[in-house]
Amino acid sequence: MGKSSFRGMGGMNQMQMMKQAQKLQQEMMRMQEELEQAEYTANAGGGAVTATVSGKRELTALHIEPDAVDPEDVEMLQDMIIAAVNEALRKAEESANQSMGRLTGGLNLGF
């Protein structure tokens, strides 16, 4: 009788853990969808170049002020584009990490 009651209690704990894991998984999926729909914008060169990326980490918009286009200094424009895109991607990554950290209580689950 003692052994079966322990099994029953362990089964209930396992069921509760499974339900909690399913709930966490559903919440993570919902949060991931929200993050993918978000947009992150950054600029470089004092606003000469503005890049927008999606939560899927895809460049969705790029705006270049006309006065930033100098045929004599294409490298400067390229550097500003790279800086703006990288900063927008960093913002997207930081947002995802913060959101998942809140959900998982700081546990590193590989997300």
N, C-alpha and C. Protein backbone atom coordinates (compact mmCIF):
# COMPACT_ATOMS: atom_id res chain seq x y z
N MET A 1 0.83 -1.19 0.00
CA MET A 1 0.00 0.00 0.00
C MET A 1 0.87 1.24 0.00
N GLY A 2 1.96 1.21 0.72
CA GLY A 2 2.85 2.35 0.76
C GLY A 2 3.44 2.65 -0.61
N LYS A 3 3.83 1.61 -1.35
CA LYS A 3 4.45 1.82 -2.65
C LYS A 3 3.47 2.42 -3.65
N SER A 4 2.25 1.93 -3.67
CA SER A 4 1.28 2.43 -4.66
C SER A 4 0.91 3.89 -4.37
N SER A 5 0.87 4.27 -3.09
CA SER A 5 0.52 5.65 -2.80
C SER A 5 1.64 6.59 -3.25
N PHE A 6 2.88 6.15 -3.18
CA PHE A 6 3.97 6.98 -3.68
C PHE A 6 3.88 7.13 -5.19
N ARG A 7 3.54 6.06 -5.87
CA ARG A 7 3.39 6.14 -7.33
C ARG A 7 2.28 7.11 -7.70
N GLY A 8 1.18 7.04 -6.97
CA GLY A 8 0.06 7.93 -7.26
C GLY A 8 0.45 9.38 -7.07
N MET A 9 1.17 9.67 -6.03
CA MET A 9 1.60 11.05 -5.80
C MET A 9 2.59 11.48 -6.85
N GLY A 10 3.51 10.60 -7.22
CA GLY A 10 4.48 10.93 -8.25
C GLY A 10 3.80 11.16 -9.58
N GLY A 11 2.77 10.38 -9.88
CA GLY A 11 2.02 10.55 -11.11
C GLY A 11 1.33 11.90 -11.17
N MET A 12 0.79 12.31 -10.04
CA MET A 12 0.13 13.61 -10.01
C MET A 12 1.16 14.73 -10.20
N ASN A 13 2.31 14.59 -9.58
CA ASN A 13 3.34 15.61 -9.75
C ASN A 13 3.80 15.65 -11.20
N GLN A 14 3.93 14.49 -11.81
CA GLN A 14 4.33 14.45 -13.22
C GLN A 14 3.26 15.09 -14.10
N MET A 15 2.00 14.84 -13.79
CA MET A 15 0.92 15.44 -14.57
C MET A 15 0.94 16.95 -14.43
N GLN A 16 1.15 17.43 -13.21
CA GLN A 16 1.22 18.87 -12.99
C GLN A 16 2.40 19.47 -13.74
N MET A 17 3.53 18.78 -13.70
CA MET A 17 4.71 19.26 -14.41
C MET A 17 4.47 19.29 -15.92
N MET A 18 3.81 18.27 -16.42
CA MET A 18 3.50 18.22 -17.86
C MET A 18 2.58 19.38 -18.25
N LYS A 19 1.57 19.64 -17.43
CA LYS A 19 0.66 20.75 -17.70
C LYS A 19 1.40 22.08 -17.67
N GLN A 20 2.28 22.24 -16.70
CA GLN A 20 3.05 23.47 -16.61
C GLN A 20 3.98 23.62 -17.80
N ALA A 21 4.59 22.52 -18.23
CA ALA A 21 5.48 22.55 -19.39
C ALA A 21 4.70 22.91 -20.65
N GLN A 22 3.51 22.35 -20.80
CA GLN A 22 2.68 22.67 -21.96
C GLN A 22 2.26 24.14 -21.94
N LYS A 23 1.91 24.64 -20.77
CA LYS A 23 1.52 26.04 -20.64
C LYS A 23 2.70 26.94 -20.99
N LEU A 24 3.89 26.60 -20.49
CA LEU A 24 5.09 27.37 -20.79
C LEU A 24 5.38 27.34 -22.29
N GLN A 25 5.24 26.19 -22.90
CA GLN A 25 5.48 26.07 -24.33
C GLN A 25 4.50 26.93 -25.13
N GLN A 26 3.23 26.92 -24.75
CA GLN A 26 2.24 27.74 -25.43
C GLN A 26 2.54 29.22 -25.27
N GLU A 27 2.94 29.62 -24.08
CA GLU A 27 3.28 31.02 -23.81
C GLU A 27 4.51 31.42 -24.62
N MET A 28 5.48 30.54 -24.70
CA MET A 28 6.69 30.83 -25.49
C MET A 28 6.36 30.98 -26.96
N MET A 29 5.48 30.15 -27.47
CA MET A 29 5.08 30.25 -28.88
C MET A 29 4.36 31.57 -29.13
N ARG A 30 3.49 31.96 -28.22
CA ARG A 30 2.77 33.22 -28.36
C ARG A 30 3.74 34.39 -28.34
N MET A 31 4.68 34.34 -27.40
CA MET A 31 5.65 35.42 -27.29
C MET A 31 6.55 35.48 -28.53
N GLN A 32 6.93 34.33 -29.05
CA GLN A 32 7.77 34.30 -30.24
C GLN A 32 7.04 34.92 -31.43
N GLU A 33 5.75 34.63 -31.56
CA GLU A 33 4.96 35.24 -32.63
C GLU A 33 4.92 36.75 -32.49
N GLU A 34 4.74 37.23 -31.25
CA GLU A 34 4.72 38.67 -31.01
C GLU A 34 6.07 39.30 -31.36
N LEU A 35 7.14 38.64 -30.95
CA LEU A 35 8.47 39.16 -31.24
C LEU A 35 8.74 39.21 -32.74
N GLU A 36 8.28 38.20 -33.47
CA GLU A 36 8.50 38.17 -34.91
C GLU A 36 7.74 39.29 -35.62
N GLN A 37 6.64 39.74 -35.06
CA GLN A 37 5.85 40.80 -35.68
C GLN A 37 6.36 42.19 -35.32
N ALA A 38 7.20 42.27 -34.32
CA ALA A 38 7.72 43.57 -33.88
C ALA A 38 8.73 44.11 -34.89
N GLU A 39 8.92 45.44 -34.87
CA GLU A 39 9.91 46.08 -35.71
C GLU A 39 10.88 46.86 -34.83
N TYR A 40 12.12 46.89 -35.25
CA TYR A 40 13.18 47.57 -34.51
C TYR A 40 13.91 48.50 -35.47
N THR A 41 14.06 49.74 -35.08
CA THR A 41 14.65 50.76 -35.94
C THR A 41 15.86 51.36 -35.26
N ALA A 42 16.88 51.62 -36.06
CA ALA A 42 18.09 52.28 -35.57
C ALA A 42 18.63 53.15 -36.69
N ASN A 43 19.42 54.17 -36.30
CA ASN A 43 20.00 55.01 -37.33
C ASN A 43 21.48 55.22 -37.05
N ALA A 44 22.16 55.73 -38.07
CA ALA A 44 23.59 56.02 -37.98
C ALA A 44 23.86 57.31 -38.72
N GLY A 45 25.01 57.89 -38.44
CA GLY A 45 25.37 59.13 -39.12
C GLY A 45 24.45 60.27 -38.75
N GLY A 46 24.01 60.30 -37.50
CA GLY A 46 23.12 61.38 -37.07
C GLY A 46 21.77 61.35 -37.76
N GLY A 47 21.33 60.17 -38.14
CA GLY A 47 20.04 60.03 -38.80
C GLY A 47 20.14 59.99 -40.32
N ALA A 48 21.35 60.02 -40.84
CA ALA A 48 21.53 59.98 -42.30
C ALA A 48 21.06 58.65 -42.88
N VAL A 49 21.20 57.58 -42.10
CA VAL A 49 20.77 56.25 -42.52
C VAL A 49 19.91 55.66 -41.42
N THR A 50 18.74 55.18 -41.79
CA THR A 50 17.83 54.54 -40.84
C THR A 50 17.47 53.16 -41.36
N ALA A 51 17.64 52.16 -40.50
CA ALA A 51 17.34 50.78 -40.87
C ALA A 51 16.26 50.24 -39.94
N THR A 52 15.36 49.46 -40.51
CA THR A 52 14.31 48.80 -39.73
C THR A 52 14.38 47.31 -40.02
N VAL A 53 14.38 46.51 -38.94
CA VAL A 53 14.38 45.06 -39.09
C VAL A 53 13.16 44.50 -38.37
N SER A 54 12.75 43.34 -38.81
CA SER A 54 11.64 42.65 -38.15
C SER A 54 12.19 41.77 -37.04
N GLY A 55 11.28 41.27 -36.23
CA GLY A 55 11.66 40.32 -35.19
C GLY A 55 12.19 39.02 -35.76
N LYS A 56 11.96 38.81 -37.04
CA LYS A 56 12.52 37.64 -37.72
C LYS A 56 13.95 37.91 -38.18
N ARG A 57 14.44 39.09 -37.82
CA ARG A 57 15.78 39.54 -38.15
C ARG A 57 16.00 39.67 -39.66
N GLU A 58 15.00 40.28 -40.28
CA GLU A 58 15.07 40.58 -41.71
C GLU A 58 15.00 42.09 -41.87
N LEU A 59 15.83 42.63 -42.74
CA LEU A 59 15.79 44.05 -43.04
C LEU A 59 14.51 44.34 -43.79
N THR A 60 13.66 45.21 -43.24
CA THR A 60 12.38 45.50 -43.88
C THR A 60 12.32 46.90 -44.48
N ALA A 61 13.18 47.80 -44.00
CA ALA A 61 13.19 49.16 -44.55
C ALA A 61 14.58 49.76 -44.37
N LEU A 62 14.94 50.57 -45.34
CA LEU A 62 16.21 51.28 -45.29
C LEU A 62 15.99 52.65 -45.90
N HIS A 63 16.27 53.69 -45.10
CA HIS A 63 16.10 55.06 -45.59
C HIS A 63 17.47 55.74 -45.55
N ILE A 64 17.82 56.37 -46.66
CA ILE A 64 19.08 57.10 -46.76
C ILE A 64 18.76 58.53 -47.14
N GLU A 65 19.20 59.46 -46.31
CA GLU A 65 19.01 60.88 -46.62
C GLU A 65 19.83 61.21 -47.87
N PRO A 66 19.27 61.97 -48.80
CA PRO A 66 19.98 62.29 -50.04
C PRO A 66 21.35 62.93 -49.82
N ASP A 67 21.48 63.76 -48.79
CA ASP A 67 22.78 64.40 -48.59
C ASP A 67 23.83 63.44 -48.04
N ALA A 68 23.42 62.21 -47.66
CA ALA A 68 24.38 61.20 -47.20
C ALA A 68 25.06 60.51 -48.38
N VAL A 69 24.52 60.71 -49.58
CA VAL A 69 25.07 60.05 -50.77
C VAL A 69 26.14 60.96 -51.37
N ASP A 70 27.37 60.57 -51.16
CA ASP A 70 28.52 61.30 -51.69
C ASP A 70 29.30 60.33 -52.58
N PRO A 71 29.24 60.53 -53.89
CA PRO A 71 29.94 59.61 -54.80
C PRO A 71 31.44 59.52 -54.50
N GLU A 72 31.98 60.52 -53.85
CA GLU A 72 33.40 60.53 -53.52
C GLU A 72 33.71 59.73 -52.25
N ASP A 73 32.67 59.39 -51.48
CA ASP A 73 32.89 58.68 -50.21
C ASP A 73 31.82 57.60 -50.01
N VAL A 74 31.79 56.64 -50.90
CA VAL A 74 30.83 55.54 -50.82
C VAL A 74 31.09 54.69 -49.58
N GLU A 75 32.34 54.57 -49.19
CA GLU A 75 32.67 53.75 -48.02
C GLU A 75 32.00 54.28 -46.75
N MET A 76 31.91 55.58 -46.61
CA MET A 76 31.25 56.17 -45.43
C MET A 76 29.78 55.76 -45.41
N LEU A 77 29.11 55.82 -46.55
CA LEU A 77 27.71 55.42 -46.64
C LEU A 77 27.56 53.94 -46.31
N GLN A 78 28.44 53.12 -46.85
CA GLN A 78 28.38 51.69 -46.56
C GLN A 78 28.54 51.44 -45.06
N ASP A 79 29.47 52.13 -44.43
CA ASP A 79 29.69 51.97 -42.99
C ASP A 79 28.45 52.39 -42.20
N MET A 80 27.80 53.47 -42.60
CA MET A 80 26.60 53.92 -41.90
C MET A 80 25.47 52.90 -42.06
N ILE A 81 25.32 52.32 -43.24
CA ILE A 81 24.29 51.31 -43.46
C ILE A 81 24.55 50.10 -42.57
N ILE A 82 25.78 49.63 -42.57
CA ILE A 82 26.12 48.48 -41.73
C ILE A 82 25.87 48.78 -40.26
N ALA A 83 26.26 49.96 -39.81
CA ALA A 83 26.06 50.33 -38.40
C ALA A 83 24.58 50.38 -38.04
N ALA A 84 23.78 50.97 -38.90
CA ALA A 84 22.34 51.08 -38.61
C ALA A 84 21.68 49.71 -38.59
N VAL A 85 22.00 48.87 -39.56
CA VAL A 85 21.40 47.53 -39.62
C VAL A 85 21.83 46.71 -38.41
N ASN A 86 23.11 46.74 -38.10
CA ASN A 86 23.59 45.96 -36.96
C ASN A 86 22.97 46.42 -35.64
N GLU A 87 22.78 47.72 -35.47
CA GLU A 87 22.17 48.23 -34.25
C GLU A 87 20.69 47.80 -34.16
N ALA A 88 19.99 47.84 -35.27
CA ALA A 88 18.59 47.40 -35.28
C ALA A 88 18.51 45.90 -34.96
N LEU A 89 19.41 45.11 -35.52
CA LEU A 89 19.44 43.68 -35.22
C LEU A 89 19.77 43.43 -33.75
N ARG A 90 20.68 44.22 -33.20
CA ARG A 90 21.02 44.09 -31.79
C ARG A 90 19.81 44.39 -30.91
N LYS A 91 19.04 45.41 -31.28
CA LYS A 91 17.82 45.74 -30.53
C LYS A 91 16.82 44.59 -30.58
N ALA A 92 16.67 43.97 -31.75
CA ALA A 92 15.74 42.84 -31.89
C ALA A 92 16.19 41.68 -31.01
N GLU A 93 17.47 41.38 -31.02
CA GLU A 93 18.01 40.29 -30.22
C GLU A 93 17.85 40.57 -28.73
N GLU A 94 18.15 41.78 -28.33
CA GLU A 94 18.02 42.17 -26.92
C GLU A 94 16.58 42.06 -26.45
N SER A 95 15.65 42.49 -27.28
CA SER A 95 14.23 42.40 -26.93
C SER A 95 13.80 40.95 -26.76
N ALA A 96 14.24 40.09 -27.69
CA ALA A 96 13.90 38.67 -27.61
C ALA A 96 14.48 38.05 -26.35
N ASN A 97 15.72 38.36 -26.04
CA ASN A 97 16.35 37.80 -24.85
C ASN A 97 15.64 38.26 -23.58
N GLN A 98 15.27 39.54 -23.51
CA GLN A 98 14.57 40.04 -22.33
C GLN A 98 13.20 39.39 -22.18
N SER A 99 12.48 39.25 -23.28
CA SER A 99 11.14 38.65 -23.22
C SER A 99 11.22 37.19 -22.79
N MET A 100 12.12 36.46 -23.38
CA MET A 100 12.24 35.04 -23.02
C MET A 100 12.77 34.89 -21.60
N GLY A 101 13.65 35.80 -21.17
CA GLY A 101 14.16 35.75 -19.81
C GLY A 101 13.06 35.95 -18.78
N ARG A 102 12.13 36.87 -19.09
CA ARG A 102 11.00 37.08 -18.18
C ARG A 102 10.13 35.83 -18.12
N LEU A 103 9.95 35.18 -19.24
CA LEU A 103 9.09 34.01 -19.31
C LEU A 103 9.72 32.82 -18.59
N THR A 104 11.00 32.63 -18.77
CA THR A 104 11.65 31.44 -18.20
C THR A 104 12.27 31.70 -16.84
N GLY A 105 12.10 32.90 -16.32
CA GLY A 105 12.64 33.22 -15.01
C GLY A 105 14.16 33.27 -15.00
N GLY A 106 14.75 33.59 -16.14
CA GLY A 106 16.20 33.71 -16.21
C GLY A 106 16.91 32.42 -16.54
N LEU A 107 16.18 31.31 -16.67
CA LEU A 107 16.82 30.05 -17.03
C LEU A 107 17.25 30.10 -18.47
N ASN A 108 18.43 29.61 -18.76
CA ASN A 108 18.93 29.56 -20.13
C ASN A 108 18.46 28.25 -20.75
N LEU A 109 17.43 28.32 -21.56
CA LEU A 109 16.88 27.13 -22.19
C LEU A 109 17.28 27.02 -23.66
N GLY A 110 18.24 27.83 -24.07
CA GLY A 110 18.74 27.74 -25.44
C GLY A 110 17.93 28.57 -26.43
N PHE A 111 17.14 29.53 -25.98
CA PHE A 111 16.32 30.35 -26.89
C PHE A 111 17.01 31.64 -27.19
